[in-house]
């Protein structure tokens, strides 16, 4: 359902861009990691905030609802 092809996972804060297979099509995804927050922009109309918990899990804490598979994929891309 989700296609990998762009950057390798990153360990530090910063901005990341990659393609994400979402709602049946490939769309651009931009993520800004700031400490324990991931600010997600999918295309130009979907925004969400994810929080990295102390145990390494990532949960959604704001914005448009994302599918669990999309959250897992973003976590793998950013955190490895």
Protein backbone atom coordinates (compact mmCIF):
# COMPACT_ATOMS: atom_id res chain seq x y z
CA UNK A 1 0.00 0.00 0.00
CA UNK A 2 2.88 2.39 0.72
CA UNK A 3 5.84 2.73 -1.60
CA UNK A 4 9.41 3.41 -0.50
CA UNK A 5 11.85 5.18 -2.75
CA UNK A 6 13.39 8.44 -1.56
CA UNK A 7 15.60 9.24 1.44
CA UNK A 8 17.09 7.06 4.14
CA UNK A 9 15.79 7.43 7.70
CA UNK A 10 17.19 10.33 9.70
CA UNK A 11 18.15 10.54 13.37
CA UNK A 12 17.97 14.29 13.98
CA UNK A 13 15.68 17.30 13.75
CA UNK A 14 15.09 18.75 10.32
CA UNK A 15 12.88 18.71 7.25
CA UNK A 16 12.26 15.63 5.14
CA UNK A 17 10.46 15.05 1.85
CA UNK A 18 9.38 11.77 0.29
CA UNK A 19 6.57 10.19 -1.71
CA UNK A 20 3.75 8.58 0.24
CA UNK A 21 1.10 6.28 -1.22
CA UNK A 22 -2.07 7.71 0.35
CA UNK A 23 -5.74 7.30 -0.60
CA UNK A 24 -4.91 5.20 -3.62
CA UNK A 25 -2.26 7.45 -5.16
CA UNK A 26 1.29 8.65 -4.68
CA UNK A 27 1.46 12.11 -3.10
CA UNK A 28 4.27 14.35 -1.83
CA UNK A 29 4.82 14.29 1.93
CA UNK A 30 6.84 16.86 3.89
CA UNK A 31 7.72 16.27 7.53
CA UNK A 32 9.42 18.63 9.94
CA UNK A 33 10.88 16.96 13.04
CA UNK A 34 11.32 19.23 16.05
CA UNK A 35 12.38 17.34 19.17
CA UNK A 36 9.50 14.95 19.91
CA UNK A 37 7.05 16.43 17.35
CA UNK A 38 6.56 15.54 13.70
CA UNK A 39 4.66 18.15 11.68
CA UNK A 40 3.25 16.39 8.60
CA UNK A 41 2.06 18.02 5.35
CA UNK A 42 0.60 15.68 2.72
CA UNK A 43 0.00 17.39 -0.61
CA UNK A 44 -1.20 20.90 0.15
CA UNK A 45 -4.37 20.05 2.01
CA UNK A 46 -3.64 17.50 4.75
CA UNK A 47 -1.78 18.50 7.91
CA UNK A 48 -1.20 16.52 11.08
CA UNK A 49 0.92 16.57 14.20
CA UNK A 50 2.49 13.40 15.53
CA UNK A 51 4.21 13.00 18.89
CA UNK A 52 7.07 10.61 19.58
CA UNK A 53 6.55 8.99 22.97
CA UNK A 54 9.35 7.96 25.33
CA UNK A 55 8.91 4.29 24.39
CA UNK A 56 9.42 5.10 20.69
CA UNK A 57 5.78 4.85 19.67
CA UNK A 58 4.33 7.62 17.51
CA UNK A 59 0.79 8.85 18.12
CA UNK A 60 -1.27 11.48 16.34
CA UNK A 61 -1.95 14.52 18.52
CA UNK A 62 -3.57 16.92 16.07
CA UNK A 63 -4.71 17.81 12.58
CA UNK A 64 -6.44 15.69 9.94
CA UNK A 65 -6.85 12.01 10.82
CA UNK A 66 -4.18 9.84 9.22
CA UNK A 67 -4.41 6.13 8.59
CA UNK A 68 -2.36 4.01 11.00
CA UNK A 69 -0.38 2.65 8.04
CA UNK A 70 0.59 6.20 7.02
CA UNK A 71 1.73 7.01 10.57
CA UNK A 72 3.81 3.82 10.70
CA UNK A 73 5.39 4.61 7.33
CA UNK A 74 6.26 8.18 8.38
CA UNK A 75 7.76 6.86 11.63
CA UNK A 76 9.95 4.40 9.71
CA UNK A 77 11.10 7.06 7.26
CA UNK A 78 12.02 9.62 9.92
CA UNK A 79 13.11 7.46 12.86
CA UNK A 80 14.25 4.30 11.12
